[in-house]
């Protein structure tokens, strides 16, 4: 997949600057929006940390909302790249699910700001902003998981009574909570309450979740 360069929310001028500069601006923006939320994030601070002027920032984006949505789009792009890597592997449904779990553990710890931004979006009070984002963000994973489950049903590796749309929704929620548990303080503490001393045992978490998922999908 090509590197992230554009979205429907940024101006053409943003596409024309060097990739390293685009990435730097978006990385700083993600951290600021994740830490302070959309309403409290300060574009002056973002511009300063990114090494550009506020005037330059508004040559790239018409509004703060457009800037925010472009930053979120960058995060979605990272998810797409991760899913594409898994889908290209030669393995069955359960092998791919296990691979996704392991990627979540690694990716969430290494990209905490992106995951925290995702968490921030779910709590954001701007309903119009959320409607557009939920469609953009969830359509990628919804199509992937629904397709994987439909193929598994055809091959006979899971029960024919499995509703792929409902299960795709359920498994995406498992993945989402696991991401939050590795990247945000509240969900990390919540994970400790349930798992105790095993909360940081990655291998045990993967094996336990795979056991749960296999039992839910196995033929009756």
N, C-alpha and C. Protein backbone atom coordinates (compact mmCIF):
# COMPACT_ATOMS: atom_id res chain seq x y z
N UNK A 1 0.84 -1.19 0.00
CA UNK A 1 0.00 0.00 0.00
C UNK A 1 0.87 1.24 0.00
N UNK A 2 0.45 2.27 -0.75
CA UNK A 2 1.20 3.52 -0.78
C UNK A 2 1.14 4.21 0.57
N UNK A 3 2.13 5.06 0.81
CA UNK A 3 2.13 5.82 2.05
C UNK A 3 0.94 6.77 2.07
N UNK A 4 0.48 7.07 3.29
CA UNK A 4 -0.64 7.99 3.46
C UNK A 4 -0.23 9.38 2.98
N UNK A 5 -0.97 9.95 2.05
CA UNK A 5 -0.62 11.28 1.53
C UNK A 5 -1.78 12.26 1.56
N UNK A 6 -2.99 11.76 1.52
CA UNK A 6 -4.10 12.68 1.33
C UNK A 6 -5.37 12.19 2.01
N UNK A 7 -6.30 13.08 2.17
CA UNK A 7 -7.64 12.73 2.63
C UNK A 7 -8.59 13.74 2.01
N UNK A 8 -9.85 13.48 2.13
CA UNK A 8 -10.83 14.40 1.54
C UNK A 8 -10.95 15.67 2.38
N UNK A 9 -10.24 15.74 3.49
CA UNK A 9 -10.36 16.88 4.39
C UNK A 9 -9.21 17.89 4.29
N UNK A 10 -8.07 17.49 3.70
CA UNK A 10 -6.96 18.45 3.61
C UNK A 10 -6.92 19.12 2.23
N UNK A 11 -6.25 20.25 2.18
CA UNK A 11 -6.06 20.95 0.91
C UNK A 11 -4.96 20.28 0.09
N UNK A 12 -4.93 20.58 -1.18
CA UNK A 12 -3.91 20.02 -2.06
C UNK A 12 -2.50 20.42 -1.63
N UNK A 13 -2.39 21.59 -1.00
CA UNK A 13 -1.07 22.06 -0.57
C UNK A 13 -0.41 21.10 0.42
N UNK A 14 -1.23 20.39 1.20
CA UNK A 14 -0.68 19.44 2.17
C UNK A 14 -0.04 18.24 1.46
N UNK A 15 -0.62 17.85 0.34
CA UNK A 15 -0.09 16.72 -0.42
C UNK A 15 1.25 17.03 -1.07
N UNK A 16 1.51 18.31 -1.28
CA UNK A 16 2.70 18.71 -2.02
C UNK A 16 3.95 18.86 -1.16
N UNK A 17 3.79 18.86 0.17
CA UNK A 17 4.96 19.00 1.04
C UNK A 17 5.62 17.62 1.21
N UNK A 18 6.88 17.55 1.60
CA UNK A 18 7.58 16.27 1.74
C UNK A 18 6.87 15.32 2.71
N UNK A 19 6.97 14.04 2.41
CA UNK A 19 6.31 13.02 3.24
C UNK A 19 6.74 13.10 4.70
N UNK A 20 8.02 13.32 4.93
CA UNK A 20 8.52 13.39 6.31
C UNK A 20 7.83 14.52 7.07
N UNK A 21 7.59 15.63 6.41
CA UNK A 21 6.95 16.78 7.05
C UNK A 21 5.48 16.47 7.34
N UNK A 22 4.80 15.85 6.38
CA UNK A 22 3.40 15.47 6.60
C UNK A 22 3.28 14.54 7.80
N UNK A 23 4.15 13.53 7.84
CA UNK A 23 4.11 12.56 8.92
C UNK A 23 4.38 13.24 10.27
N UNK A 24 5.33 14.17 10.29
CA UNK A 24 5.66 14.87 11.54
C UNK A 24 4.46 15.68 12.03
N UNK A 25 3.83 16.40 11.13
CA UNK A 25 2.67 17.22 11.51
C UNK A 25 1.54 16.35 12.05
N UNK A 26 1.26 15.25 11.36
CA UNK A 26 0.16 14.37 11.78
C UNK A 26 0.47 13.65 13.09
N UNK A 27 1.72 13.27 13.29
CA UNK A 27 2.11 12.59 14.53
C UNK A 27 1.96 13.53 15.72
N UNK A 28 2.38 14.78 15.56
CA UNK A 28 2.22 15.78 16.62
C UNK A 28 0.74 16.03 16.88
N UNK A 29 -0.05 16.12 15.82
CA UNK A 29 -1.49 16.36 15.95
C UNK A 29 -2.17 15.22 16.69
N UNK A 30 -1.83 14.00 16.35
CA UNK A 30 -2.42 12.83 17.01
C UNK A 30 -2.14 12.87 18.51
N UNK A 31 -0.90 13.19 18.89
CA UNK A 31 -0.55 13.25 20.31
C UNK A 31 -1.35 14.34 21.03
N UNK A 32 -1.47 15.50 20.40
CA UNK A 32 -2.20 16.62 21.03
C UNK A 32 -3.69 16.31 21.14
N UNK A 33 -4.29 15.80 20.08
CA UNK A 33 -5.72 15.47 20.14
C UNK A 33 -5.99 14.32 21.12
N UNK A 34 -5.07 13.35 21.18
CA UNK A 34 -5.25 12.22 22.09
C UNK A 34 -5.14 12.66 23.55
N UNK A 35 -4.23 13.58 23.83
CA UNK A 35 -4.00 14.03 25.21
C UNK A 35 -5.02 15.05 25.70
N UNK A 36 -5.50 15.90 24.78
CA UNK A 36 -6.34 17.01 25.20
C UNK A 36 -7.77 16.97 24.67
N UNK A 37 -8.04 16.05 23.74
CA UNK A 37 -9.37 16.01 23.15
C UNK A 37 -9.51 17.03 22.04
N UNK A 38 -10.54 16.86 21.22
CA UNK A 38 -10.72 17.75 20.07
C UNK A 38 -10.93 19.20 20.50
N UNK A 39 -11.81 19.42 21.47
CA UNK A 39 -12.16 20.79 21.85
C UNK A 39 -11.00 21.53 22.51
N UNK A 40 -10.20 20.83 23.31
CA UNK A 40 -9.12 21.48 24.05
C UNK A 40 -7.77 21.48 23.35
N UNK A 41 -7.65 20.72 22.29
CA UNK A 41 -6.37 20.68 21.55
C UNK A 41 -6.06 22.06 20.98
N UNK A 42 -4.81 22.45 21.07
CA UNK A 42 -4.40 23.79 20.66
C UNK A 42 -3.57 23.73 19.37
N UNK A 43 -4.10 24.32 18.31
CA UNK A 43 -3.40 24.26 17.03
C UNK A 43 -2.09 25.06 17.07
N UNK A 44 -2.03 26.08 17.91
CA UNK A 44 -0.78 26.84 18.06
C UNK A 44 0.33 25.95 18.61
N UNK A 45 -0.03 25.12 19.59
CA UNK A 45 0.94 24.20 20.19
C UNK A 45 1.37 23.14 19.17
N UNK A 46 0.40 22.63 18.42
CA UNK A 46 0.72 21.63 17.40
C UNK A 46 1.68 22.20 16.37
N UNK A 47 1.39 23.40 15.89
CA UNK A 47 2.25 24.04 14.89
C UNK A 47 3.67 24.24 15.43
N UNK A 48 3.77 24.71 16.66
CA UNK A 48 5.08 24.95 17.26
C UNK A 48 5.88 23.66 17.38
N UNK A 49 5.25 22.61 17.89
CA UNK A 49 5.94 21.32 18.06
C UNK A 49 6.31 20.70 16.72
N UNK A 50 5.50 20.96 15.70
CA UNK A 50 5.77 20.40 14.37
C UNK A 50 6.78 21.24 13.60
N UNK A 51 7.13 22.39 14.15
CA UNK A 51 8.13 23.24 13.50
C UNK A 51 7.60 24.03 12.32
N UNK A 52 6.31 24.38 12.37
CA UNK A 52 5.72 25.19 11.31
C UNK A 52 4.95 26.35 11.93
N UNK A 53 4.55 27.31 11.12
CA UNK A 53 3.74 28.42 11.62
C UNK A 53 2.27 28.05 11.60
N UNK A 54 1.48 28.73 12.42
CA UNK A 54 0.03 28.49 12.41
C UNK A 54 -0.55 28.85 11.05
N UNK A 55 0.02 29.91 10.44
CA UNK A 55 -0.43 30.31 9.10
C UNK A 55 -0.25 29.20 8.09
N UNK A 56 0.88 28.50 8.19
CA UNK A 56 1.14 27.38 7.28
C UNK A 56 0.14 26.26 7.50
N UNK A 57 -0.20 26.04 8.77
CA UNK A 57 -1.15 24.97 9.11
C UNK A 57 -2.48 25.20 8.41
N UNK A 58 -2.91 26.46 8.40
CA UNK A 58 -4.20 26.76 7.78
C UNK A 58 -4.11 26.96 6.27
N UNK A 59 -2.91 26.79 5.74
CA UNK A 59 -2.77 26.66 4.28
C UNK A 59 -3.02 25.21 3.87
N UNK A 60 -2.87 24.31 4.85
CA UNK A 60 -3.06 22.88 4.59
C UNK A 60 -4.48 22.41 4.91
N UNK A 61 -5.13 23.08 5.89
CA UNK A 61 -6.47 22.66 6.34
C UNK A 61 -7.35 23.89 6.51
N UNK A 62 -8.60 23.79 6.07
CA UNK A 62 -9.53 24.92 6.18
C UNK A 62 -9.94 25.18 7.62
N UNK A 63 -10.13 24.10 8.39
CA UNK A 63 -10.62 24.23 9.76
C UNK A 63 -9.90 23.26 10.68
N UNK A 64 -10.09 23.46 11.96
CA UNK A 64 -9.54 22.55 12.96
C UNK A 64 -10.16 21.16 12.80
N UNK A 65 -11.46 21.13 12.47
CA UNK A 65 -12.13 19.84 12.26
C UNK A 65 -11.49 19.06 11.12
N UNK A 66 -11.18 19.76 10.03
CA UNK A 66 -10.54 19.09 8.89
C UNK A 66 -9.16 18.55 9.27
N UNK A 67 -8.44 19.30 10.08
CA UNK A 67 -7.13 18.87 10.56
C UNK A 67 -7.28 17.61 11.41
N UNK A 68 -8.25 17.63 12.30
CA UNK A 68 -8.52 16.48 13.17
C UNK A 68 -8.89 15.25 12.35
N UNK A 69 -9.76 15.43 11.38
CA UNK A 69 -10.22 14.31 10.56
C UNK A 69 -9.09 13.73 9.71
N UNK A 70 -8.19 14.59 9.26
CA UNK A 70 -7.03 14.10 8.50
C UNK A 70 -6.11 13.28 9.41
N UNK A 71 -5.92 13.74 10.65
CA UNK A 71 -5.10 13.00 11.61
C UNK A 71 -5.71 11.63 11.90
N UNK A 72 -7.03 11.60 12.05
CA UNK A 72 -7.72 10.33 12.27
C UNK A 72 -7.56 9.43 11.04
N UNK A 73 -7.64 10.03 9.87
CA UNK A 73 -7.46 9.27 8.63
C UNK A 73 -6.10 8.60 8.57
N UNK A 74 -5.11 9.29 9.06
CA UNK A 74 -3.76 8.72 9.12
C UNK A 74 -3.75 7.48 10.02
N UNK A 75 -4.45 7.58 11.16
CA UNK A 75 -4.55 6.42 12.05
C UNK A 75 -5.27 5.25 11.41
N UNK A 76 -6.34 5.56 10.65
CA UNK A 76 -7.08 4.52 9.94
C UNK A 76 -6.18 3.83 8.92
N UNK A 77 -5.34 4.63 8.27
CA UNK A 77 -4.41 4.09 7.27
C UNK A 77 -3.47 3.06 7.90
N UNK A 78 -3.03 3.33 9.13
CA UNK A 78 -2.16 2.37 9.83
C UNK A 78 -2.90 1.05 10.07
N UNK A 79 -4.17 1.16 10.43
CA UNK A 79 -4.99 -0.04 10.63
C UNK A 79 -5.12 -0.82 9.33
N UNK A 80 -5.37 -0.12 8.24
CA UNK A 80 -5.52 -0.79 6.94
C UNK A 80 -4.25 -1.54 6.56
N UNK A 81 -3.10 -0.92 6.79
CA UNK A 81 -1.84 -1.57 6.46
C UNK A 81 -1.66 -2.85 7.29
N UNK A 82 -2.01 -2.77 8.57
CA UNK A 82 -1.88 -3.93 9.45
C UNK A 82 -2.78 -5.07 8.99
N UNK A 83 -4.03 -4.75 8.67
CA UNK A 83 -4.96 -5.79 8.23
C UNK A 83 -4.55 -6.39 6.90
N UNK A 84 -4.03 -5.59 6.01
CA UNK A 84 -3.57 -6.10 4.71
C UNK A 84 -2.44 -7.10 4.88
N UNK A 85 -1.54 -6.82 5.82
CA UNK A 85 -0.44 -7.74 6.08
C UNK A 85 -0.96 -9.09 6.56
N UNK A 86 -1.95 -9.07 7.44
CA UNK A 86 -2.52 -10.31 7.97
C UNK A 86 -3.25 -11.07 6.87
N UNK A 87 -4.05 -10.38 6.07
CA UNK A 87 -4.83 -11.02 5.02
C UNK A 87 -3.97 -11.67 3.95
N UNK A 88 -2.77 -11.15 3.77
CA UNK A 88 -1.89 -11.69 2.74
C UNK A 88 -1.20 -12.98 3.19
N UNK A 89 -1.30 -13.30 4.47
CA UNK A 89 -0.64 -14.49 5.01
C UNK A 89 -1.43 -15.74 4.67
N UNK A 90 -0.69 -16.85 4.49
CA UNK A 90 -1.33 -18.13 4.20
C UNK A 90 -1.67 -18.83 5.51
N UNK A 91 -2.88 -18.59 6.01
CA UNK A 91 -3.33 -19.24 7.24
C UNK A 91 -4.85 -19.25 7.27
N UNK A 92 -5.43 -20.07 8.14
CA UNK A 92 -6.89 -20.15 8.23
C UNK A 92 -7.41 -19.01 9.10
N UNK A 93 -8.72 -18.99 9.30
CA UNK A 93 -9.37 -17.92 10.07
C UNK A 93 -8.74 -17.76 11.44
N UNK A 94 -8.55 -18.89 12.15
CA UNK A 94 -8.04 -18.82 13.51
C UNK A 94 -6.58 -18.36 13.54
N UNK A 95 -5.83 -18.76 12.53
CA UNK A 95 -4.45 -18.30 12.44
C UNK A 95 -4.39 -16.79 12.24
N UNK A 96 -5.31 -16.26 11.43
CA UNK A 96 -5.32 -14.83 11.18
C UNK A 96 -5.80 -14.05 12.41
N UNK A 97 -6.79 -14.60 13.11
CA UNK A 97 -7.25 -13.94 14.33
C UNK A 97 -6.14 -13.90 15.37
N UNK A 98 -5.43 -15.01 15.54
CA UNK A 98 -4.32 -15.03 16.50
C UNK A 98 -3.24 -14.02 16.10
N UNK A 99 -2.97 -13.93 14.80
CA UNK A 99 -1.97 -12.97 14.32
C UNK A 99 -2.40 -11.54 14.63
N UNK A 100 -3.70 -11.25 14.45
CA UNK A 100 -4.21 -9.91 14.75
C UNK A 100 -4.06 -9.61 16.24
N UNK A 101 -4.35 -10.59 17.10
CA UNK A 101 -4.20 -10.38 18.55
C UNK A 101 -2.77 -10.02 18.91
N UNK A 102 -1.82 -10.72 18.31
CA UNK A 102 -0.41 -10.46 18.61
C UNK A 102 0.03 -9.10 18.07
N UNK A 103 -0.49 -8.73 16.91
CA UNK A 103 -0.18 -7.42 16.35
C UNK A 103 -0.76 -6.31 17.23
N UNK A 104 -1.97 -6.53 17.74
CA UNK A 104 -2.59 -5.55 18.63
C UNK A 104 -1.71 -5.31 19.85
N UNK A 105 -1.19 -6.38 20.45
CA UNK A 105 -0.34 -6.23 21.63
C UNK A 105 0.88 -5.36 21.33
N UNK A 106 1.51 -5.63 20.20
CA UNK A 106 2.72 -4.89 19.84
C UNK A 106 2.39 -3.48 19.35
N UNK A 107 1.45 -3.37 18.44
CA UNK A 107 1.12 -2.09 17.82
C UNK A 107 0.55 -1.11 18.85
N UNK A 108 -0.29 -1.58 19.77
CA UNK A 108 -0.92 -0.69 20.75
C UNK A 108 0.11 -0.08 21.69
N UNK A 109 1.10 -0.86 22.06
CA UNK A 109 2.15 -0.34 22.95
C UNK A 109 3.06 0.65 22.22
N UNK A 110 3.30 0.39 20.94
CA UNK A 110 4.22 1.24 20.18
C UNK A 110 3.53 2.47 19.59
N UNK A 111 2.21 2.45 19.52
CA UNK A 111 1.46 3.56 18.93
C UNK A 111 0.34 4.01 19.87
N UNK A 112 0.71 4.26 21.10
CA UNK A 112 -0.28 4.60 22.13
C UNK A 112 -1.12 5.82 21.76
N UNK A 113 -0.50 6.82 21.15
CA UNK A 113 -1.24 8.05 20.84
C UNK A 113 -2.36 7.79 19.84
N UNK A 114 -2.10 6.94 18.84
CA UNK A 114 -3.14 6.63 17.85
C UNK A 114 -4.31 5.90 18.52
N UNK A 115 -4.00 4.95 19.40
CA UNK A 115 -5.06 4.21 20.08
C UNK A 115 -5.80 5.12 21.05
N UNK A 116 -5.08 5.98 21.73
CA UNK A 116 -5.72 6.91 22.65
C UNK A 116 -6.59 7.91 21.91
N UNK A 117 -6.17 8.27 20.70
CA UNK A 117 -7.00 9.15 19.88
C UNK A 117 -8.30 8.44 19.51
N UNK A 118 -8.20 7.19 19.15
CA UNK A 118 -9.39 6.38 18.85
C UNK A 118 -10.31 6.34 20.06
N UNK A 119 -9.73 6.14 21.25
CA UNK A 119 -10.51 6.12 22.48
C UNK A 119 -11.16 7.47 22.72
N UNK A 120 -10.43 8.54 22.46
CA UNK A 120 -10.95 9.90 22.62
C UNK A 120 -12.14 10.15 21.71
N UNK A 121 -12.05 9.62 20.48
CA UNK A 121 -13.14 9.81 19.51
C UNK A 121 -14.43 9.20 20.03
N UNK A 122 -14.34 8.02 20.65
CA UNK A 122 -15.55 7.33 21.13
C UNK A 122 -16.24 8.10 22.24
N UNK A 123 -15.49 8.99 22.91
CA UNK A 123 -16.07 9.77 24.00
C UNK A 123 -16.38 11.20 23.58
N UNK A 124 -16.08 11.53 22.32
CA UNK A 124 -16.26 12.90 21.83
C UNK A 124 -17.73 13.28 21.77
N UNK A 125 -18.04 14.51 22.16
CA UNK A 125 -19.42 14.96 22.23
C UNK A 125 -19.98 15.51 20.93
N UNK A 126 -19.18 15.71 19.93
CA UNK A 126 -19.62 16.28 18.66
C UNK A 126 -20.27 15.18 17.82
N UNK A 127 -21.60 15.11 17.83
CA UNK A 127 -22.31 13.99 17.19
C UNK A 127 -22.11 13.95 15.68
N UNK A 128 -22.07 15.12 15.02
CA UNK A 128 -21.89 15.13 13.57
C UNK A 128 -20.50 14.64 13.19
N UNK A 129 -19.52 15.02 13.97
CA UNK A 129 -18.14 14.57 13.75
C UNK A 129 -18.07 13.06 13.89
N UNK A 130 -18.74 12.53 14.90
CA UNK A 130 -18.69 11.10 15.19
C UNK A 130 -19.38 10.28 14.11
N UNK A 131 -20.48 10.76 13.58
CA UNK A 131 -21.19 10.01 12.54
C UNK A 131 -20.30 9.75 11.34
N UNK A 132 -19.60 10.77 10.90
CA UNK A 132 -18.71 10.61 9.76
C UNK A 132 -17.54 9.72 10.07
N UNK A 133 -16.98 9.87 11.27
CA UNK A 133 -15.81 9.09 11.65
C UNK A 133 -16.13 7.62 11.82
N UNK A 134 -17.27 7.31 12.44
CA UNK A 134 -17.60 5.91 12.68
C UNK A 134 -17.73 5.16 11.36
N UNK A 135 -18.28 5.81 10.35
CA UNK A 135 -18.41 5.18 9.04
C UNK A 135 -17.04 4.93 8.43
N UNK A 136 -16.16 5.93 8.47
CA UNK A 136 -14.81 5.79 7.90
C UNK A 136 -14.00 4.74 8.63
N UNK A 137 -14.05 4.78 9.96
CA UNK A 137 -13.19 3.94 10.78
C UNK A 137 -13.62 2.48 10.79
N UNK A 138 -14.91 2.26 10.95
CA UNK A 138 -15.39 0.90 11.15
C UNK A 138 -15.63 0.13 9.87
N UNK A 139 -15.82 0.83 8.75
CA UNK A 139 -16.13 0.13 7.50
C UNK A 139 -14.98 -0.76 7.07
N UNK A 140 -13.74 -0.35 7.36
CA UNK A 140 -12.57 -1.14 6.98
C UNK A 140 -12.58 -2.48 7.70
N UNK A 141 -12.62 -2.45 9.03
CA UNK A 141 -12.57 -3.69 9.81
C UNK A 141 -13.84 -4.51 9.63
N UNK A 142 -14.99 -3.86 9.50
CA UNK A 142 -16.25 -4.60 9.34
C UNK A 142 -16.22 -5.46 8.09
N UNK A 143 -15.75 -4.89 6.98
CA UNK A 143 -15.69 -5.65 5.73
C UNK A 143 -14.70 -6.81 5.83
N UNK A 144 -13.55 -6.54 6.44
CA UNK A 144 -12.51 -7.57 6.55
C UNK A 144 -13.00 -8.74 7.39
N UNK A 145 -13.52 -8.46 8.59
CA UNK A 145 -13.92 -9.54 9.49
C UNK A 145 -15.13 -10.30 8.96
N UNK A 146 -16.09 -9.58 8.38
CA UNK A 146 -17.27 -10.25 7.82
C UNK A 146 -16.86 -11.17 6.67
N UNK A 147 -15.96 -10.71 5.82
CA UNK A 147 -15.48 -11.51 4.70
C UNK A 147 -14.74 -12.76 5.17
N UNK A 148 -13.87 -12.59 6.17
CA UNK A 148 -13.12 -13.73 6.70
C UNK A 148 -14.05 -14.80 7.26
N UNK A 149 -15.07 -14.38 7.99
CA UNK A 149 -16.00 -15.32 8.59
C UNK A 149 -16.88 -16.00 7.54
N UNK A 150 -17.28 -15.25 6.52
CA UNK A 150 -18.08 -15.84 5.44
C UNK A 150 -17.29 -16.92 4.71
N UNK A 151 -16.01 -16.66 4.46
CA UNK A 151 -15.15 -17.64 3.80
C UNK A 151 -14.96 -18.88 4.68
N UNK A 152 -14.81 -18.65 5.99
CA UNK A 152 -14.64 -19.77 6.91
C UNK A 152 -15.89 -20.65 6.95
N UNK A 153 -17.06 -20.04 6.84
CA UNK A 153 -18.30 -20.81 6.81
C UNK A 153 -18.37 -21.67 5.55
N UNK A 154 -17.97 -21.09 4.42
CA UNK A 154 -18.00 -21.83 3.16
C UNK A 154 -17.05 -23.02 3.19
N UNK A 155 -15.90 -22.83 3.82
CA UNK A 155 -14.91 -23.92 3.88
C UNK A 155 -15.26 -24.96 4.92
N UNK A 156 -16.23 -24.65 5.79
CA UNK A 156 -16.64 -25.60 6.81
C UNK A 156 -15.79 -25.57 8.08
N UNK A 157 -14.92 -24.56 8.23
CA UNK A 157 -14.06 -24.51 9.42
C UNK A 157 -14.77 -23.91 10.63
N UNK A 158 -15.93 -23.28 10.40
CA UNK A 158 -16.76 -22.81 11.52
C UNK A 158 -18.19 -23.25 11.26
N UNK A 159 -19.00 -23.19 12.29
CA UNK A 159 -20.38 -23.63 12.17
C UNK A 159 -21.19 -22.81 11.19
N UNK A 160 -22.10 -23.47 10.45
CA UNK A 160 -22.94 -22.78 9.48
C UNK A 160 -23.96 -21.85 10.13
N UNK A 161 -24.19 -22.05 11.44
CA UNK A 161 -25.15 -21.21 12.14
C UNK A 161 -24.54 -19.88 12.60
N UNK A 162 -23.25 -19.70 12.38
CA UNK A 162 -22.59 -18.47 12.78
C UNK A 162 -23.07 -17.31 11.90
N UNK A 163 -23.53 -16.24 12.52
CA UNK A 163 -23.92 -15.03 11.78
C UNK A 163 -22.67 -14.18 11.64
N UNK A 164 -22.13 -14.12 10.43
CA UNK A 164 -20.83 -13.45 10.26
C UNK A 164 -20.86 -11.97 10.59
N UNK A 165 -22.00 -11.31 10.36
CA UNK A 165 -22.07 -9.87 10.65
C UNK A 165 -22.06 -9.62 12.17
N UNK A 166 -22.85 -10.40 12.88
CA UNK A 166 -22.89 -10.23 14.34
C UNK A 166 -21.56 -10.62 14.96
N UNK A 167 -20.98 -11.73 14.49
CA UNK A 167 -19.71 -12.15 15.09
C UNK A 167 -18.59 -11.18 14.73
N UNK A 168 -18.63 -10.61 13.52
CA UNK A 168 -17.64 -9.60 13.15
C UNK A 168 -17.72 -8.41 14.10
N UNK A 169 -18.94 -8.02 14.46
CA UNK A 169 -19.14 -6.93 15.41
C UNK A 169 -18.57 -7.30 16.78
N UNK A 170 -18.84 -8.53 17.21
CA UNK A 170 -18.37 -8.98 18.53
C UNK A 170 -16.84 -9.06 18.58
N UNK A 171 -16.24 -9.62 17.55
CA UNK A 171 -14.78 -9.80 17.58
C UNK A 171 -14.07 -8.45 17.44
N UNK A 172 -14.67 -7.52 16.70
CA UNK A 172 -14.07 -6.20 16.60
C UNK A 172 -14.10 -5.50 17.95
N UNK A 173 -15.16 -5.71 18.72
CA UNK A 173 -15.22 -5.14 20.06
C UNK A 173 -14.16 -5.73 20.98
N UNK A 174 -13.91 -7.04 20.84
CA UNK A 174 -12.84 -7.67 21.62
C UNK A 174 -11.49 -7.04 21.27
N UNK A 175 -11.25 -6.85 19.98
CA UNK A 175 -9.99 -6.26 19.53
C UNK A 175 -9.86 -4.82 20.04
N UNK A 176 -10.97 -4.07 19.99
CA UNK A 176 -10.94 -2.67 20.39
C UNK A 176 -10.60 -2.53 21.88
N UNK A 177 -11.27 -3.34 22.71
CA UNK A 177 -11.01 -3.28 24.15
C UNK A 177 -9.58 -3.71 24.46
N UNK A 178 -9.07 -4.70 23.73
CA UNK A 178 -7.69 -5.14 23.95
C UNK A 178 -6.72 -4.00 23.60
N UNK A 179 -6.98 -3.30 22.51
CA UNK A 179 -6.15 -2.14 22.14
C UNK A 179 -6.15 -1.10 23.25
N UNK A 180 -7.33 -0.76 23.74
CA UNK A 180 -7.43 0.23 24.80
C UNK A 180 -6.71 -0.23 26.06
N UNK A 181 -6.74 -1.53 26.31
CA UNK A 181 -6.14 -2.07 27.54
C UNK A 181 -4.62 -1.97 27.53
N UNK A 182 -4.02 -1.93 26.36
CA UNK A 182 -2.57 -1.79 26.27
C UNK A 182 -2.12 -0.34 26.10
N UNK A 183 -3.06 0.54 25.77
CA UNK A 183 -2.66 1.91 25.43
C UNK A 183 -3.19 3.00 26.36
N UNK A 184 -4.25 2.72 27.11
CA UNK A 184 -4.83 3.76 27.96
C UNK A 184 -4.81 3.34 29.43
N UNK A 185 -4.67 4.32 30.29
CA UNK A 185 -4.52 4.03 31.72
C UNK A 185 -5.74 3.38 32.33
N UNK A 186 -6.93 3.89 32.02
CA UNK A 186 -8.14 3.34 32.63
C UNK A 186 -8.34 1.87 32.26
N UNK A 187 -8.26 1.58 30.97
CA UNK A 187 -8.51 0.20 30.53
C UNK A 187 -7.39 -0.74 30.96
N UNK A 188 -6.19 -0.22 31.11
CA UNK A 188 -5.09 -1.04 31.63
C UNK A 188 -5.38 -1.45 33.08
N UNK A 189 -5.82 -0.49 33.89
CA UNK A 189 -6.16 -0.79 35.28
C UNK A 189 -7.35 -1.74 35.35
N UNK A 190 -8.28 -1.58 34.43
CA UNK A 190 -9.45 -2.47 34.36
C UNK A 190 -9.00 -3.90 34.05
N UNK A 191 -8.06 -4.02 33.14
CA UNK A 191 -7.52 -5.33 32.78
C UNK A 191 -6.86 -5.99 33.99
N UNK A 192 -6.16 -5.20 34.80
CA UNK A 192 -5.51 -5.73 36.00
C UNK A 192 -6.53 -6.30 36.97
N UNK A 193 -7.68 -5.64 37.09
CA UNK A 193 -8.73 -6.10 38.01
C UNK A 193 -9.20 -7.50 37.62
N UNK A 194 -9.36 -7.73 36.32
CA UNK A 194 -9.87 -9.01 35.85
C UNK A 194 -8.79 -10.10 35.79
N UNK A 195 -7.59 -9.74 35.37
CA UNK A 195 -6.55 -10.76 35.14
C UNK A 195 -5.53 -10.87 36.26
N UNK A 196 -5.53 -9.92 37.17
CA UNK A 196 -4.56 -9.98 38.27
C UNK A 196 -3.14 -9.94 37.76
N UNK A 197 -2.29 -10.80 38.30
CA UNK A 197 -0.87 -10.81 37.94
C UNK A 197 -0.62 -11.23 36.49
N UNK A 198 -1.64 -11.82 35.85
CA UNK A 198 -1.46 -12.28 34.47
C UNK A 198 -1.77 -11.19 33.44
N UNK A 199 -2.11 -9.97 33.90
CA UNK A 199 -2.53 -8.94 32.95
C UNK A 199 -1.43 -8.59 31.94
N UNK A 200 -0.18 -8.83 32.31
CA UNK A 200 0.94 -8.48 31.42
C UNK A 200 1.56 -9.72 30.77
N UNK A 201 0.88 -10.85 30.89
CA UNK A 201 1.37 -12.10 30.29
C UNK A 201 0.75 -12.24 28.90
N UNK A 202 1.45 -11.71 27.91
CA UNK A 202 0.90 -11.66 26.55
C UNK A 202 0.50 -13.02 26.02
N UNK A 203 1.33 -14.01 26.25
CA UNK A 203 1.06 -15.34 25.72
C UNK A 203 -0.21 -15.94 26.34
N UNK A 204 -0.38 -15.74 27.62
CA UNK A 204 -1.57 -16.27 28.29
C UNK A 204 -2.83 -15.55 27.81
N UNK A 205 -2.72 -14.25 27.58
CA UNK A 205 -3.86 -13.48 27.08
C UNK A 205 -4.28 -13.98 25.70
N UNK A 206 -3.31 -14.18 24.81
CA UNK A 206 -3.61 -14.67 23.46
C UNK A 206 -4.24 -16.06 23.51
N UNK A 207 -3.64 -16.96 24.28
CA UNK A 207 -4.18 -18.33 24.36
C UNK A 207 -5.59 -18.35 24.95
N UNK A 208 -5.82 -17.53 25.97
CA UNK A 208 -7.15 -17.48 26.59
C UNK A 208 -8.20 -16.93 25.63
N UNK A 209 -7.84 -15.87 24.90
CA UNK A 209 -8.79 -15.29 23.96
C UNK A 209 -9.05 -16.22 22.78
N UNK A 210 -8.00 -16.91 22.32
CA UNK A 210 -8.19 -17.85 21.22
C UNK A 210 -9.07 -19.02 21.63
N UNK A 211 -8.94 -19.48 22.84
CA UNK A 211 -9.79 -20.55 23.35
C UNK A 211 -11.25 -20.11 23.36
N UNK A 212 -11.49 -18.89 23.83
CA UNK A 212 -12.83 -18.33 23.88
C UNK A 212 -13.43 -18.20 22.47
N UNK A 213 -12.64 -17.69 21.54
CA UNK A 213 -13.11 -17.46 20.17
C UNK A 213 -13.37 -18.79 19.45
N UNK A 214 -12.47 -19.77 19.64
CA UNK A 214 -12.67 -21.07 19.01
C UNK A 214 -13.96 -21.73 19.49
N UNK A 215 -14.20 -21.67 20.78
CA UNK A 215 -15.42 -22.28 21.33
C UNK A 215 -16.68 -21.60 20.81
N UNK A 216 -16.59 -20.28 20.61
CA UNK A 216 -17.74 -19.54 20.10
C UNK A 216 -18.05 -19.88 18.63
N UNK A 217 -17.02 -20.25 17.88
CA UNK A 217 -17.17 -20.48 16.44
C UNK A 217 -17.23 -21.95 16.04
N UNK A 218 -16.88 -22.83 16.96
CA UNK A 218 -16.79 -24.24 16.58
C UNK A 218 -18.14 -24.81 16.19
N UNK A 219 -18.13 -25.84 15.38
CA UNK A 219 -19.36 -26.47 14.91
C UNK A 219 -20.09 -27.11 16.08
N UNK A 220 -21.37 -26.93 16.10
CA UNK A 220 -22.20 -27.50 17.18
C UNK A 220 -22.57 -28.93 16.82
